[in-house]
Amino acid sequence: MTHPNAQLLTDFYAAFAQRDAEGMIACYAPDVVFSDPVFTELRGDEARAMWRMLCERGKDLRVEASGLEADDASGKAHWDAWYTFWATGQKVHNVIDARFVFAGGKIARHTDSFDLRRWAGMALGMKGKLFGWLPPVQNAIRKQGDAGLRAFMKKRAM
């Protein structure tokens, strides 16, 4: 028998594979906290807007999740994403490990980990390959990500 939180993760990644942001968001607690190497701490509406933005922009997005495990308090997953980075047209294969904390039958905290230098090399081309390891370049990636999310939220009046 599958643990309810393991089923929650299965539902989350099944929705993601369909680029169904609303299905993903339904798995989140209202005050969810999301973080990854680009979006370092998004709360509530910010996290929900990020998934809406990524699903909308990911026209060729393909997601495969594996190693989903969960108990009453926490969970983990591995997932791979293949897509064309909207800002540069570069092909990306991102390899991500996720950790989750659950509360009230929902995801309360979601933390994705991946190699930002590797991502920059794929998403930004030669500039990312050469300079993606530099803190100023990684900070610029974070600022650009945040600016893109804020513009998306403003456009959607979120």
C-alpha atoms as a PDB file:
ATOM      1  CA  MET A   1       0.000   0.000   0.000  1.00  0.00           C
ATOM      2  CA  THR A   2       1.359   3.396  -1.007  1.00  0.00           C
ATOM      3  CA  HIS A   3       1.812   6.022   1.691  1.00  0.00           C
ATOM      4  CA  PRO A   4      -0.525   9.007   1.080  1.00  0.00           C
ATOM      5  CA  ASN A   5       2.444  11.387   0.871  1.00  0.00           C
ATOM      6  CA  ALA A   6       4.142   9.132  -1.692  1.00  0.00           C
ATOM      7  CA  GLN A   7       0.908   9.306  -3.696  1.00  0.00           C
ATOM      8  CA  LEU A   8       0.975  13.094  -3.315  1.00  0.00           C
ATOM      9  CA  LEU A   9       4.452  13.154  -4.888  1.00  0.00           C
ATOM     10  CA  THR A  10       3.294  10.805  -7.650  1.00  0.00           C
ATOM     11  CA  ASP A  11       0.382  13.159  -8.362  1.00  0.00           C
ATOM     12  CA  PHE A  12       2.679  16.198  -8.303  1.00  0.00           C
ATOM     13  CA  TYR A  13       5.103  14.764 -10.868  1.00  0.00           C
ATOM     14  CA  ALA A  14       2.316  13.302 -13.020  1.00  0.00           C
ATOM     15  CA  ALA A  15       0.828  16.800 -13.264  1.00  0.00           C
ATOM     16  CA  PHE A  16       4.281  18.234 -13.989  1.00  0.00           C
ATOM     17  CA  ALA A  17       4.802  15.728 -16.802  1.00  0.00           C
ATOM     18  CA  GLN A  18       1.565  17.063 -18.339  1.00  0.00           C
ATOM     19  CA  ARG A  19       2.640  20.694 -17.770  1.00  0.00           C
ATOM     20  CA  ASP A  20      -0.432  20.983 -15.522  1.00  0.00           C
ATOM     21  CA  ALA A  21       0.609  23.726 -13.107  1.00  0.00           C
ATOM     22  CA  GLU A  22      -2.786  23.766 -11.385  1.00  0.00           C
ATOM     23  CA  GLY A  23      -2.503  20.044 -10.674  1.00  0.00           C
ATOM     24  CA  MET A  24       0.954  20.599  -9.195  1.00  0.00           C
ATOM     25  CA  ILE A  25      -0.230  23.543  -7.115  1.00  0.00           C
ATOM     26  CA  ALA A  26      -3.095  21.466  -5.706  1.00  0.00           C
ATOM     27  CA  CYS A  27      -0.419  19.364  -3.958  1.00  0.00           C
ATOM     28  CA  TYR A  28       1.011  22.411  -2.157  1.00  0.00           C
ATOM     29  CA  ALA A  29       0.030  23.832   1.224  1.00  0.00           C
ATOM     30  CA  PRO A  30      -1.152  27.468   1.048  1.00  0.00           C
ATOM     31  CA  ASP A  31       2.033  28.704   2.758  1.00  0.00           C
ATOM     32  CA  VAL A  32       4.433  26.393   0.904  1.00  0.00           C
ATOM     33  CA  VAL A  33       8.114  27.324   0.721  1.00  0.00           C
ATOM     34  CA  PHE A  34      10.038  26.389  -2.432  1.00  0.00           C
ATOM     35  CA  SER A  35      13.740  26.785  -3.078  1.00  0.00           C
ATOM     36  CA  ASP A  36      16.324  25.755  -5.638  1.00  0.00           C
ATOM     37  CA  PRO A  37      19.663  27.169  -6.844  1.00  0.00           C
ATOM     38  CA  VAL A  38      17.894  29.848  -8.950  1.00  0.00           C
ATOM     39  CA  PHE A  39      14.780  30.636  -6.915  1.00  0.00           C
ATOM     40  CA  THR A  40      16.333  30.637  -3.468  1.00  0.00           C
ATOM     41  CA  GLU A  41      13.169  31.061  -1.382  1.00  0.00           C
ATOM     42  CA  LEU A  42       9.693  31.450  -2.794  1.00  0.00           C
ATOM     43  CA  ARG A  43       6.664  31.486  -0.526  1.00  0.00           C
ATOM     44  CA  GLY A  44       3.017  30.742  -1.249  1.00  0.00           C
ATOM     45  CA  ASP A  45       1.860  32.655  -4.324  1.00  0.00           C
ATOM     46  CA  GLU A  46       5.440  33.111  -5.543  1.00  0.00           C
ATOM     47  CA  ALA A  47       6.002  29.340  -5.651  1.00  0.00           C
ATOM     48  CA  ARG A  48       2.662  28.768  -7.377  1.00  0.00           C
ATOM     49  CA  ALA A  49       3.440  31.485  -9.946  1.00  0.00           C
ATOM     50  CA  MET A  50       6.852  29.947 -10.652  1.00  0.00           C
ATOM     51  CA  TRP A  51       5.280  26.596 -11.631  1.00  0.00           C
ATOM     52  CA  ARG A  52       2.673  28.382 -13.771  1.00  0.00           C
ATOM     53  CA  MET A  53       5.457  30.310 -15.511  1.00  0.00           C
ATOM     54  CA  LEU A  54       7.666  27.262 -16.057  1.00  0.00           C
ATOM     55  CA  CYS A  55       4.811  25.098 -17.332  1.00  0.00           C
ATOM     56  CA  GLU A  56       3.639  27.861 -19.683  1.00  0.00           C
ATOM     57  CA  ARG A  57       7.115  28.520 -21.066  1.00  0.00           C
ATOM     58  CA  GLY A  58       8.086  24.849 -21.294  1.00  0.00           C
ATOM     59  CA  LYS A  59       6.479  24.122 -24.654  1.00  0.00           C
ATOM     60  CA  ASP A  60       8.722  21.073 -25.201  1.00  0.00           C
ATOM     61  CA  LEU A  61       9.162  20.209 -21.521  1.00  0.00           C
ATOM     62  CA  ARG A  62       9.565  16.528 -20.696  1.00  0.00           C
ATOM     63  CA  VAL A  63       9.772  15.418 -17.061  1.00  0.00           C
ATOM     64  CA  GLU A  64      10.586  11.996 -15.627  1.00  0.00           C
ATOM     65  CA  ALA A  65      10.509  11.373 -11.879  1.00  0.00           C
ATOM     66  CA  SER A  66      11.919   8.381 -10.055  1.00  0.00           C
ATOM     67  CA  GLY A  67      12.863   7.252  -6.573  1.00  0.00           C
ATOM     68  CA  LEU A  68       9.786   8.770  -4.975  1.00  0.00           C
ATOM     69  CA  GLU A  69       9.750   8.032  -1.236  1.00  0.00           C
ATOM     70  CA  ALA A  70       7.692   9.542   1.548  1.00  0.00           C
ATOM     71  CA  ASP A  71       6.556   9.017   5.118  1.00  0.00           C
ATOM     72  CA  ASP A  72       4.391  11.085   7.440  1.00  0.00           C
ATOM     73  CA  ALA A  73       6.857  13.970   7.694  1.00  0.00           C
ATOM     74  CA  SER A  74       9.178  14.049   4.695  1.00  0.00           C
ATOM     75  CA  GLY A  75       9.909  12.730   1.252  1.00  0.00           C
ATOM     76  CA  LYS A  76      12.324  12.759  -1.626  1.00  0.00           C
ATOM     77  CA  ALA A  77      12.430  12.284  -5.370  1.00  0.00           C
ATOM     78  CA  HIS A  78      14.809  12.402  -8.279  1.00  0.00           C
ATOM     79  CA  TRP A  79      13.682  13.993 -11.504  1.00  0.00           C
ATOM     80  CA  ASP A  80      15.048  14.881 -14.897  1.00  0.00           C
ATOM     81  CA  ALA A  81      13.764  17.697 -17.085  1.00  0.00           C
ATOM     82  CA  TRP A  82      14.452  18.172 -20.788  1.00  0.00           C
ATOM     83  CA  TYR A  83      13.419  21.468 -22.366  1.00  0.00           C
ATOM     84  CA  THR A  84      14.466  24.418 -24.462  1.00  0.00           C
ATOM     85  CA  PHE A  85      15.450  27.360 -22.276  1.00  0.00           C
ATOM     86  CA  TRP A  86      13.061  30.113 -23.329  1.00  0.00           C
ATOM     87  CA  ALA A  87      15.584  32.972 -22.998  1.00  0.00           C
ATOM     88  CA  THR A  88      18.322  31.517 -25.246  1.00  0.00           C
ATOM     89  CA  GLY A  89      16.783  28.686 -27.262  1.00  0.00           C
ATOM     90  CA  GLN A  90      19.401  26.298 -25.827  1.00  0.00           C
ATOM     91  CA  LYS A  91      18.506  22.672 -25.058  1.00  0.00           C
ATOM     92  CA  VAL A  92      18.724  21.706 -21.382  1.00  0.00           C
ATOM     93  CA  HIS A  93      18.728  18.381 -19.540  1.00  0.00           C
ATOM     94  CA  ASN A  94      18.553  19.248 -15.862  1.00  0.00           C
ATOM     95  CA  VAL A  95      19.120  16.554 -13.227  1.00  0.00           C
ATOM     96  CA  ILE A  96      17.398  17.359  -9.945  1.00  0.00           C
ATOM     97  CA  ASP A  97      17.081  15.845  -6.486  1.00  0.00           C
ATOM     98  CA  ALA A  98      14.101  17.020  -4.459  1.00  0.00           C
ATOM     99  CA  ARG A  99      13.328  16.985  -0.749  1.00  0.00           C
ATOM    100  CA  PHE A 100       9.892  17.562   0.731  1.00  0.00           C
ATOM    101  CA  VAL A 101       8.309  18.304   4.084  1.00  0.00           C
ATOM    102  CA  PHE A 102       4.612  17.529   4.500  1.00  0.00           C
ATOM    103  CA  ALA A 103       1.939  19.106   6.693  1.00  0.00           C
ATOM    104  CA  GLY A 104      -1.791  18.492   6.657  1.00  0.00           C
ATOM    105  CA  GLY A 105      -1.607  16.134   3.681  1.00  0.00           C
ATOM    106  CA  LYS A 106       0.124  18.721   1.464  1.00  0.00           C
ATOM    107  CA  ILE A 107       3.663  19.705   0.504  1.00  0.00           C
ATOM    108  CA  ALA A 108       4.753  22.401   2.975  1.00  0.00           C
ATOM    109  CA  ARG A 109       8.384  22.701   1.866  1.00  0.00           C
ATOM    110  CA  HIS A 110       9.918  21.710  -1.460  1.00  0.00           C
ATOM    111  CA  THR A 111      13.668  22.007  -2.019  1.00  0.00           C
ATOM    112  CA  ASP A 112      15.203  21.142  -5.390  1.00  0.00           C
ATOM    113  CA  SER A 113      18.973  20.684  -5.740  1.00  0.00           C
ATOM    114  CA  PHE A 114      20.910  20.721  -8.991  1.00  0.00           C
ATOM    115  CA  ASP A 115      24.292  21.798 -10.341  1.00  0.00           C
ATOM    116  CA  LEU A 116      23.796  25.452 -11.320  1.00  0.00           C
ATOM    117  CA  ARG A 117      27.135  25.524 -13.145  1.00  0.00           C
ATOM    118  CA  ARG A 118      26.107  22.543 -15.298  1.00  0.00           C
ATOM    119  CA  TRP A 119      22.691  24.132 -15.937  1.00  0.00           C
ATOM    120  CA  ALA A 120      24.326  27.431 -16.946  1.00  0.00           C
ATOM    121  CA  GLY A 121      26.576  25.604 -19.407  1.00  0.00           C
ATOM    122  CA  MET A 122      23.538  24.142 -21.157  1.00  0.00           C
ATOM    123  CA  ALA A 123      21.097  27.048 -20.854  1.00  0.00           C
ATOM    124  CA  LEU A 124      23.502  29.916 -21.566  1.00  0.00           C
ATOM    125  CA  GLY A 125      25.815  28.234 -24.075  1.00  0.00           C
ATOM    126  CA  MET A 126      29.530  29.048 -24.165  1.00  0.00           C
ATOM    127  CA  LYS A 127      29.242  31.943 -21.691  1.00  0.00           C
ATOM    128  CA  GLY A 128      27.641  29.590 -19.174  1.00  0.00           C
ATOM    129  CA  LYS A 129      30.227  26.863 -19.811  1.00  0.00           C
ATOM    130  CA  LEU A 130      33.114  29.237 -19.269  1.00  0.00           C
ATOM    131  CA  PHE A 131      31.753  31.429 -16.482  1.00  0.00           C
ATOM    132  CA  GLY A 132      28.815  29.537 -14.934  1.00  0.00           C
ATOM    133  CA  TRP A 133      30.851  28.650 -11.867  1.00  0.00           C
ATOM    134  CA  LEU A 134      31.518  32.289 -10.955  1.00  0.00           C
ATOM    135  CA  PRO A 135      29.414  33.691  -8.097  1.00  0.00           C
ATOM    136  CA  PRO A 136      28.635  36.945 -10.008  1.00  0.00           C
ATOM    137  CA  VAL A 137      27.276  34.906 -12.947  1.00  0.00           C
ATOM    138  CA  GLN A 138      25.227  32.681 -10.647  1.00  0.00           C
ATOM    139  CA  ASN A 139      23.878  35.768  -8.865  1.00  0.00           C
ATOM    140  CA  ALA A 140      22.961  37.290 -12.233  1.00  0.00           C
ATOM    141  CA  ILE A 141      21.073  34.085 -13.096  1.00  0.00           C
ATOM    142  CA  ARG A 142      19.155  34.384  -9.823  1.00  0.00           C
ATOM    143  CA  LYS A 143      18.364  38.066 -10.432  1.00  0.00           C
ATOM    144  CA  GLN A 144      17.177  37.339 -13.969  1.00  0.00           C
ATOM    145  CA  GLY A 145      15.018  34.469 -12.685  1.00  0.00           C
ATOM    146  CA  ASP A 146      13.484  36.672 -10.011  1.00  0.00           C
ATOM    147  CA  ALA A 147      12.871  39.517 -12.472  1.00  0.00           C
ATOM    148  CA  GLY A 148      11.200  37.092 -14.881  1.00  0.00           C
ATOM    149  CA  LEU A 149       8.968  35.718 -12.127  1.00  0.00           C
ATOM    150  CA  ARG A 150       8.008  39.223 -10.921  1.00  0.00           C
ATOM    151  CA  ALA A 151       7.137  40.249 -14.503  1.00  0.00           C
ATOM    152  CA  PHE A 152       5.067  37.081 -14.955  1.00  0.00           C
ATOM    153  CA  MET A 153       3.217  37.727 -11.696  1.00  0.00           C
ATOM    154  CA  LYS A 154       2.582  41.366 -12.595  1.00  0.00           C
ATOM    155  CA  LYS A 155       1.300  40.406 -16.047  1.00  0.00           C
ATOM    156  CA  ARG A 156      -1.067  37.905 -14.419  1.00  0.00           C
ATOM    157  CA  ALA A 157      -1.957  40.410 -11.630  1.00  0.00           C
ATOM    158  CA  MET A 158      -1.033  37.854  -8.964  1.00  0.00           C
END
